[in-house]
């Protein structure tokens, strides 16, 4: 919840004399905030006016929450291609990387993977890796896109499958198709 009431029981951290309500939310990458005073001419508002101000603040928060959810859904459904360097995949939430595992004897194992890292609808961050050496390049891409679609609740994800990045051979490894 992004509604904070500053009063006698919860003083404002910067100015202990401010009595009011602060509503904050981030919508589409923009931080929004608005203050609602609970005093007029240095005196507390009557109880009926105070309740009306509190109701207005919670209504604004509900409106901003709805806008936040719509913006998040729009971004998830778009899964817009990123304009990152060539070492990344072309779908937001899926990246291409090479994992390095060093063993005590000095051996180094490098595994190319597609890594899916997204915020699922239940607001948990989920990261899962699909090794190209196990699935093959196209198979790892399909598995990564399927997992991304599952977490985002997408039914039709064929447009994401078509965005498979060009195949490359990292660090001298041969990649199976």
Protein backbone atom coordinates (compact mmCIF):
# COMPACT_ATOMS: atom_id res chain seq x y z
CA UNK A 1 0.00 0.00 0.00
CA UNK A 2 1.34 3.41 -0.84
CA UNK A 3 -0.76 5.58 1.46
CA UNK A 4 1.03 6.91 4.53
CA UNK A 5 -0.76 8.92 7.21
CA UNK A 6 1.42 11.33 9.18
CA UNK A 7 -0.14 12.38 12.48
CA UNK A 8 0.63 12.29 16.20
CA UNK A 9 1.23 8.53 16.18
CA UNK A 10 3.34 8.53 13.01
CA UNK A 11 5.27 11.81 12.56
CA UNK A 12 6.73 12.79 9.19
CA UNK A 13 10.42 11.70 9.06
CA UNK A 14 11.71 15.09 7.82
CA UNK A 15 9.31 17.45 9.50
CA UNK A 16 7.60 16.13 12.61
CA UNK A 17 5.10 18.99 12.42
CA UNK A 18 3.46 17.93 9.13
CA UNK A 19 0.08 16.27 9.58
CA UNK A 20 -1.35 14.80 6.44
CA UNK A 21 -1.52 11.90 4.04
CA UNK A 22 1.05 11.00 1.39
CA UNK A 23 0.06 8.88 -1.60
CA UNK A 24 2.88 7.51 -3.78
CA UNK A 25 2.98 5.09 -6.71
CA UNK A 26 5.23 4.41 -9.66
CA UNK A 27 3.30 4.14 -12.93
CA UNK A 28 5.10 3.42 -16.21
CA UNK A 29 8.44 4.31 -14.69
CA UNK A 30 7.22 7.68 -13.42
CA UNK A 31 6.98 8.33 -9.70
CA UNK A 32 3.75 9.98 -8.64
CA UNK A 33 3.03 11.46 -5.25
CA UNK A 34 0.46 13.73 -3.73
CA UNK A 35 -0.02 15.14 -0.25
CA UNK A 36 -3.36 15.68 1.48
CA UNK A 37 -3.16 17.97 4.55
CA UNK A 38 -5.08 17.02 7.68
CA UNK A 39 -4.83 20.50 9.19
CA UNK A 40 -6.30 23.87 8.27
CA UNK A 41 -4.87 27.06 9.76
CA UNK A 42 -2.80 24.99 12.19
CA UNK A 43 -5.85 23.17 13.59
CA UNK A 44 -6.78 19.53 12.93
CA UNK A 45 -9.67 18.98 10.53
CA UNK A 46 -13.03 17.97 11.99
CA UNK A 47 -13.55 14.22 11.98
CA UNK A 48 -16.01 14.24 9.05
CA UNK A 49 -13.63 16.27 6.86
CA UNK A 50 -10.70 14.10 7.92
CA UNK A 51 -12.59 10.97 6.87
CA UNK A 52 -13.44 12.60 3.51
CA UNK A 53 -9.76 13.47 2.92
CA UNK A 54 -8.67 9.95 3.84
CA UNK A 55 -11.29 8.49 1.50
CA UNK A 56 -10.10 10.79 -1.29
CA UNK A 57 -6.48 9.71 -0.74
CA UNK A 58 -7.37 6.02 -0.86
CA UNK A 59 -9.45 6.60 -3.99
CA UNK A 60 -6.47 8.28 -5.70
CA UNK A 61 -4.27 5.37 -4.65
CA UNK A 62 -6.80 2.90 -6.10
CA UNK A 63 -6.86 4.85 -9.38
CA UNK A 64 -3.07 4.87 -9.59
CA UNK A 65 -2.95 1.17 -8.71
CA UNK A 66 -5.32 0.40 -11.59
CA UNK A 67 -3.15 2.47 -13.96
CA UNK A 68 -0.08 0.64 -12.65
CA UNK A 69 -1.68 -2.76 -13.30
CA UNK A 70 -2.77 -1.76 -16.81
CA UNK A 71 0.72 -0.47 -17.62
CA UNK A 72 2.29 -3.69 -16.30
CA UNK A 73 -0.12 -5.84 -18.35
CA UNK A 74 0.60 -3.80 -21.47
CA UNK A 75 4.36 -4.20 -20.98
CA UNK A 76 4.02 -7.92 -20.32
CA UNK A 77 1.87 -8.52 -23.39
CA UNK A 78 4.13 -6.51 -25.63
CA UNK A 79 7.29 -8.26 -24.45
CA UNK A 80 8.96 -5.62 -26.56
CA UNK A 81 12.24 -6.39 -28.24
CA UNK A 82 15.14 -4.79 -26.49
CA UNK A 83 17.76 -2.61 -28.10
CA UNK A 84 20.62 -4.12 -26.16
CA UNK A 85 23.93 -5.37 -27.46
CA UNK A 86 24.21 -8.42 -29.71
CA UNK A 87 24.97 -10.65 -26.69
CA UNK A 88 21.35 -10.45 -25.52
CA UNK A 89 18.21 -12.09 -26.82
CA UNK A 90 15.50 -10.12 -28.58
CA UNK A 91 12.67 -10.56 -26.07
CA UNK A 92 12.48 -8.68 -22.80
CA UNK A 93 13.00 -11.12 -19.94
CA UNK A 94 15.12 -13.59 -21.91
CA UNK A 95 18.85 -13.14 -22.18
CA UNK A 96 21.65 -15.14 -23.70
CA UNK A 97 24.67 -15.72 -21.47
CA UNK A 98 27.51 -18.14 -20.89
CA UNK A 99 27.81 -19.62 -17.40
CA UNK A 100 31.32 -20.33 -16.16
CA UNK A 101 31.90 -23.09 -13.62
CA UNK A 102 35.41 -23.47 -12.17
CA UNK A 103 36.32 -26.78 -10.59
CA UNK A 104 39.02 -27.21 -7.89
CA UNK A 105 41.40 -29.01 -10.28
CA UNK A 106 41.60 -25.95 -12.50
CA UNK A 107 39.03 -27.09 -15.05
CA UNK A 108 36.68 -24.48 -16.42
CA UNK A 109 33.30 -25.41 -17.86
CA UNK A 110 31.38 -22.89 -19.97
CA UNK A 111 27.70 -23.48 -20.67
CA UNK A 112 25.75 -21.23 -23.03
CA UNK A 113 22.19 -20.70 -21.79
CA UNK A 114 19.05 -18.69 -22.36
CA UNK A 115 18.13 -17.22 -18.99
CA UNK A 116 14.57 -16.17 -18.22
CA UNK A 117 14.29 -13.66 -15.40
CA UNK A 118 10.84 -12.14 -14.92
CA UNK A 119 8.37 -10.96 -12.35
CA UNK A 120 5.46 -13.40 -12.34
CA UNK A 121 1.87 -12.16 -11.77
CA UNK A 122 2.15 -13.12 -8.09
CA UNK A 123 4.98 -10.51 -7.79
CA UNK A 124 7.74 -13.06 -7.25
CA UNK A 125 10.92 -12.81 -9.33
CA UNK A 126 11.60 -16.04 -11.15
CA UNK A 127 14.88 -16.96 -12.86
CA UNK A 128 15.32 -20.15 -14.83
CA UNK A 129 18.10 -21.23 -17.19
CA UNK A 130 17.79 -23.35 -20.32
CA UNK A 131 21.19 -24.78 -21.38
CA UNK A 132 21.81 -24.82 -25.10
CA UNK A 133 24.05 -27.88 -24.72
CA UNK A 134 21.07 -29.82 -23.30
CA UNK A 135 18.17 -28.57 -25.44
CA UNK A 136 19.96 -27.41 -28.58
CA UNK A 137 19.84 -23.76 -29.66
CA UNK A 138 16.29 -23.73 -31.04
CA UNK A 139 15.01 -26.06 -28.30
CA UNK A 140 16.45 -23.89 -25.53
CA UNK A 141 14.83 -20.83 -27.12
CA UNK A 142 11.46 -22.60 -27.37
CA UNK A 143 11.68 -23.75 -23.74
CA UNK A 144 12.65 -20.25 -22.55
CA UNK A 145 9.77 -18.63 -24.46
CA UNK A 146 7.30 -21.24 -23.17
CA UNK A 147 8.40 -20.59 -19.59
CA UNK A 148 8.16 -16.83 -20.11
CA UNK A 149 4.65 -17.23 -21.57
CA UNK A 150 3.63 -19.48 -18.67
CA UNK A 151 4.77 -16.94 -16.08
CA UNK A 152 3.14 -14.04 -17.91
CA UNK A 153 -0.07 -15.92 -18.64
CA UNK A 154 0.28 -15.62 -22.42
CA UNK A 155 -1.76 -18.08 -24.46
CA UNK A 156 -0.50 -17.11 -27.89
CA UNK A 157 3.28 -16.67 -27.92
CA UNK A 158 4.13 -17.59 -31.51
CA UNK A 159 5.26 -14.01 -32.20
CA UNK A 160 7.89 -14.43 -29.46
CA UNK A 161 9.18 -17.71 -30.90
CA UNK A 162 9.85 -15.90 -34.19
CA UNK A 163 12.19 -13.47 -32.43
CA UNK A 164 14.90 -16.08 -31.86
CA UNK A 165 18.29 -14.33 -32.01
CA UNK A 166 20.85 -15.45 -34.58
CA UNK A 167 22.85 -18.45 -33.52
CA UNK A 168 26.44 -17.80 -32.39
CA UNK A 169 29.30 -19.90 -31.14
CA UNK A 170 30.53 -18.53 -27.80
CA UNK A 171 34.11 -19.03 -26.69
CA UNK A 172 34.94 -21.84 -29.13
CA UNK A 173 32.02 -24.05 -28.14
CA UNK A 174 30.04 -25.87 -30.80
CA UNK A 175 26.30 -25.39 -30.49
CA UNK A 176 23.86 -28.09 -31.48
CA UNK A 177 20.81 -27.02 -33.49
